[in-house]
Amino acid sequence: MTTGSPGCAPRSESGLSAKKGDLNRKAGPPVHDDLVNRQFTAAARNAVGLTDITEHPAAEGKLYLCAIEDLHSGRIVGHCMDAG
């Protein structure tokens, strides 16, 4: 799966780590249609991707991280970071 977006890079072997946030926080309303009908599996590699954008506070302002996950393997295959 290629990201196809400028500024996005394939995941390095060092990987990304995530901290568990507030697990009691409620999700906001959907921002787009559910194109996979809540089926978070794929029969083949690189067939279906899932993205998530997260905002992180930083000393210089906000930092945004977008991760792209291959639903077949469960691996992060690309990511983008940018200051807001």
N, C-alpha and C. Protein backbone atom coordinates (compact mmCIF):
# COMPACT_ATOMS: atom_id res chain seq x y z
N MET A 1 0.85 -1.17 0.00
CA MET A 1 0.00 0.00 0.00
C MET A 1 0.89 1.22 0.00
N THR A 2 0.70 2.10 -0.94
CA THR A 2 1.47 3.34 -0.97
C THR A 2 0.59 4.46 -0.46
N THR A 3 1.21 5.43 0.15
CA THR A 3 0.44 6.52 0.72
C THR A 3 -0.01 7.50 -0.34
N GLY A 4 0.81 7.74 -1.35
CA GLY A 4 0.43 8.61 -2.44
C GLY A 4 0.32 10.08 -2.08
N SER A 5 0.69 10.48 -0.89
CA SER A 5 0.59 11.87 -0.47
C SER A 5 1.97 12.44 -0.20
N PRO A 6 2.21 13.67 -0.64
CA PRO A 6 3.49 14.29 -0.33
C PRO A 6 3.65 14.41 1.18
N GLY A 7 4.84 14.21 1.68
CA GLY A 7 5.09 14.32 3.11
C GLY A 7 4.84 13.05 3.88
N CYS A 8 4.21 12.06 3.27
CA CYS A 8 3.96 10.79 3.94
C CYS A 8 5.12 9.85 3.63
N ALA A 9 5.47 9.05 4.61
CA ALA A 9 6.60 8.15 4.43
C ALA A 9 6.21 6.75 4.85
N PRO A 10 6.78 5.73 4.23
CA PRO A 10 6.56 4.37 4.71
C PRO A 10 7.07 4.25 6.14
N ARG A 11 6.47 3.37 6.88
CA ARG A 11 6.86 3.15 8.28
C ARG A 11 8.27 2.60 8.34
N SER A 12 9.06 3.15 9.23
CA SER A 12 10.41 2.64 9.42
C SER A 12 10.36 1.39 10.29
N GLU A 13 11.40 0.63 10.27
CA GLU A 13 11.44 -0.59 11.09
C GLU A 13 11.48 -0.29 12.57
N SER A 14 11.87 0.95 12.94
CA SER A 14 11.86 1.30 14.36
C SER A 14 10.44 1.38 14.89
N GLY A 15 9.47 1.63 14.01
CA GLY A 15 8.07 1.62 14.39
C GLY A 15 7.61 2.87 15.10
N LEU A 16 6.35 2.91 15.35
CA LEU A 16 5.72 3.99 16.09
C LEU A 16 5.21 3.42 17.39
N SER A 17 5.23 4.22 18.43
CA SER A 17 4.65 3.75 19.68
C SER A 17 3.49 4.65 20.05
N ALA A 18 2.53 4.10 20.71
CA ALA A 18 1.34 4.86 21.09
C ALA A 18 1.11 4.72 22.59
N LYS A 19 0.72 5.82 23.20
CA LYS A 19 0.36 5.79 24.61
C LYS A 19 -1.14 5.65 24.70
N LYS A 20 -1.59 4.86 25.64
CA LYS A 20 -3.02 4.75 25.87
C LYS A 20 -3.49 6.04 26.51
N GLY A 21 -4.49 6.66 25.92
CA GLY A 21 -5.03 7.90 26.43
C GLY A 21 -6.17 7.64 27.41
N ASP A 22 -7.00 8.60 27.53
CA ASP A 22 -8.15 8.50 28.41
C ASP A 22 -9.15 7.52 27.80
N LEU A 23 -9.25 6.34 28.36
CA LEU A 23 -10.11 5.31 27.79
C LEU A 23 -11.58 5.58 28.05
N ASN A 24 -11.90 6.54 28.90
CA ASN A 24 -13.30 6.85 29.19
C ASN A 24 -13.83 7.97 28.30
N ARG A 25 -12.99 8.52 27.45
CA ARG A 25 -13.42 9.61 26.58
C ARG A 25 -14.36 9.08 25.50
N LYS A 26 -15.44 9.81 25.24
CA LYS A 26 -16.41 9.40 24.22
C LYS A 26 -15.97 9.90 22.86
N ALA A 27 -16.18 9.09 21.84
CA ALA A 27 -15.84 9.48 20.48
C ALA A 27 -16.82 10.53 19.99
N GLY A 28 -16.35 11.40 19.12
CA GLY A 28 -17.21 12.42 18.53
C GLY A 28 -18.04 11.83 17.40
N PRO A 29 -18.82 12.66 16.77
CA PRO A 29 -19.67 12.17 15.67
C PRO A 29 -18.81 11.79 14.47
N PRO A 30 -19.28 10.87 13.63
CA PRO A 30 -18.52 10.49 12.44
C PRO A 30 -18.33 11.70 11.53
N VAL A 31 -17.18 11.78 10.90
CA VAL A 31 -16.91 12.91 10.01
C VAL A 31 -17.06 12.53 8.54
N HIS A 32 -17.32 11.25 8.27
CA HIS A 32 -17.51 10.81 6.89
C HIS A 32 -18.26 9.48 6.90
N ASP A 33 -18.64 9.01 5.72
CA ASP A 33 -19.35 7.74 5.60
C ASP A 33 -18.46 6.57 5.99
N ASP A 34 -19.07 5.51 6.51
CA ASP A 34 -18.36 4.27 6.86
C ASP A 34 -18.22 3.43 5.59
N LEU A 35 -17.08 3.55 4.92
CA LEU A 35 -16.89 2.89 3.63
C LEU A 35 -16.57 1.41 3.74
N VAL A 36 -16.22 0.91 4.94
CA VAL A 36 -15.91 -0.51 5.11
C VAL A 36 -17.00 -1.23 5.90
N ASN A 37 -18.10 -0.54 6.19
CA ASN A 37 -19.24 -1.13 6.90
C ASN A 37 -18.83 -1.84 8.17
N ARG A 38 -17.90 -1.22 8.92
CA ARG A 38 -17.44 -1.72 10.22
C ARG A 38 -16.76 -3.09 10.12
N GLN A 39 -16.30 -3.48 8.94
CA GLN A 39 -15.57 -4.73 8.74
C GLN A 39 -14.08 -4.39 8.75
N PHE A 40 -13.43 -4.57 9.89
CA PHE A 40 -12.05 -4.16 10.03
C PHE A 40 -11.08 -5.32 9.80
N THR A 41 -11.33 -6.07 8.74
CA THR A 41 -10.44 -7.13 8.29
C THR A 41 -10.35 -7.05 6.77
N ALA A 42 -9.34 -7.67 6.21
CA ALA A 42 -9.19 -7.70 4.76
C ALA A 42 -8.66 -9.07 4.36
N ALA A 43 -9.10 -9.57 3.23
CA ALA A 43 -8.69 -10.89 2.76
C ALA A 43 -7.27 -10.89 2.21
N ALA A 44 -6.81 -9.75 1.73
CA ALA A 44 -5.48 -9.68 1.12
C ALA A 44 -4.73 -8.45 1.62
N ARG A 45 -3.42 -8.55 1.59
CA ARG A 45 -2.56 -7.44 1.98
C ARG A 45 -2.74 -6.28 1.01
N ASN A 46 -2.68 -5.07 1.53
CA ASN A 46 -2.78 -3.83 0.74
C ASN A 46 -4.12 -3.64 0.05
N ALA A 47 -5.16 -4.33 0.50
CA ALA A 47 -6.48 -4.18 -0.10
C ALA A 47 -7.32 -3.11 0.59
N VAL A 48 -7.22 -3.02 1.91
CA VAL A 48 -8.01 -2.06 2.68
C VAL A 48 -7.10 -1.39 3.69
N GLY A 49 -7.16 -0.08 3.73
CA GLY A 49 -6.37 0.68 4.70
C GLY A 49 -7.27 1.47 5.62
N LEU A 50 -6.78 1.72 6.81
CA LEU A 50 -7.49 2.49 7.82
C LEU A 50 -6.59 3.66 8.21
N THR A 51 -7.16 4.85 8.34
CA THR A 51 -6.36 6.01 8.74
C THR A 51 -6.91 6.61 10.02
N ASP A 52 -6.04 7.30 10.73
CA ASP A 52 -6.43 8.02 11.93
C ASP A 52 -5.56 9.26 12.04
N ILE A 53 -6.16 10.38 12.41
CA ILE A 53 -5.42 11.62 12.62
C ILE A 53 -5.54 11.98 14.10
N THR A 54 -4.40 12.25 14.71
CA THR A 54 -4.34 12.57 16.14
C THR A 54 -3.63 13.90 16.33
N GLU A 55 -4.15 14.71 17.24
CA GLU A 55 -3.55 16.00 17.57
C GLU A 55 -2.80 15.86 18.89
N HIS A 56 -1.56 16.30 18.92
CA HIS A 56 -0.74 16.23 20.13
C HIS A 56 -0.25 17.63 20.49
N PRO A 57 -0.41 18.05 21.75
CA PRO A 57 0.14 19.35 22.15
C PRO A 57 1.67 19.26 22.24
N ALA A 58 2.34 20.30 21.83
CA ALA A 58 3.80 20.37 21.91
C ALA A 58 4.18 21.77 22.39
N ALA A 59 5.41 21.93 22.81
CA ALA A 59 5.87 23.23 23.32
C ALA A 59 5.74 24.32 22.25
N GLU A 60 5.93 23.98 20.99
CA GLU A 60 5.86 24.95 19.90
C GLU A 60 4.46 25.13 19.35
N GLY A 61 3.49 24.38 19.80
CA GLY A 61 2.12 24.43 19.28
C GLY A 61 1.56 23.03 19.18
N LYS A 62 0.73 22.80 18.18
CA LYS A 62 0.12 21.48 18.00
C LYS A 62 0.87 20.69 16.94
N LEU A 63 0.94 19.38 17.15
CA LEU A 63 1.54 18.46 16.20
C LEU A 63 0.47 17.47 15.79
N TYR A 64 0.33 17.25 14.50
CA TYR A 64 -0.67 16.33 13.98
C TYR A 64 0.01 15.09 13.41
N LEU A 65 -0.51 13.92 13.74
CA LEU A 65 0.01 12.65 13.25
C LEU A 65 -1.11 11.92 12.54
N CYS A 66 -0.85 11.49 11.32
CA CYS A 66 -1.78 10.66 10.57
C CYS A 66 -1.09 9.32 10.35
N ALA A 67 -1.74 8.24 10.74
CA ALA A 67 -1.18 6.89 10.56
C ALA A 67 -2.08 6.11 9.60
N ILE A 68 -1.46 5.27 8.77
CA ILE A 68 -2.17 4.43 7.81
C ILE A 68 -1.88 2.98 8.15
N GLU A 69 -2.93 2.21 8.43
CA GLU A 69 -2.80 0.81 8.84
C GLU A 69 -3.34 -0.11 7.75
N ASP A 70 -2.59 -1.14 7.42
CA ASP A 70 -3.07 -2.20 6.52
C ASP A 70 -3.93 -3.14 7.36
N LEU A 71 -5.21 -3.29 6.99
CA LEU A 71 -6.12 -4.09 7.81
C LEU A 71 -5.86 -5.59 7.74
N HIS A 72 -5.17 -6.05 6.72
CA HIS A 72 -4.86 -7.48 6.64
C HIS A 72 -3.76 -7.85 7.64
N SER A 73 -2.68 -7.07 7.65
CA SER A 73 -1.55 -7.40 8.52
C SER A 73 -1.63 -6.71 9.88
N GLY A 74 -2.40 -5.63 9.97
CA GLY A 74 -2.46 -4.88 11.21
C GLY A 74 -1.27 -3.98 11.44
N ARG A 75 -0.42 -3.82 10.44
CA ARG A 75 0.79 -3.01 10.57
C ARG A 75 0.55 -1.59 10.08
N ILE A 76 1.26 -0.65 10.71
CA ILE A 76 1.26 0.73 10.23
C ILE A 76 2.17 0.77 9.00
N VAL A 77 1.62 1.14 7.85
CA VAL A 77 2.38 1.11 6.60
C VAL A 77 2.82 2.50 6.16
N GLY A 78 2.30 3.54 6.78
CA GLY A 78 2.71 4.90 6.44
C GLY A 78 2.26 5.86 7.52
N HIS A 79 2.93 7.01 7.56
CA HIS A 79 2.52 8.03 8.52
C HIS A 79 2.97 9.40 8.03
N CYS A 80 2.29 10.43 8.51
CA CYS A 80 2.64 11.82 8.23
C CYS A 80 2.60 12.58 9.55
N MET A 81 3.51 13.53 9.72
CA MET A 81 3.47 14.43 10.86
C MET A 81 3.63 15.85 10.34
N ASP A 82 2.89 16.78 10.96
CA ASP A 82 2.99 18.18 10.56
C ASP A 82 2.56 19.05 11.72
N ALA A 83 3.13 20.23 11.79
CA ALA A 83 2.74 21.21 12.81
C ALA A 83 1.49 21.94 12.34
N GLY A 84 0.64 22.28 13.30
CA GLY A 84 -0.60 22.95 12.94
C GLY A 84 -0.55 24.44 13.08
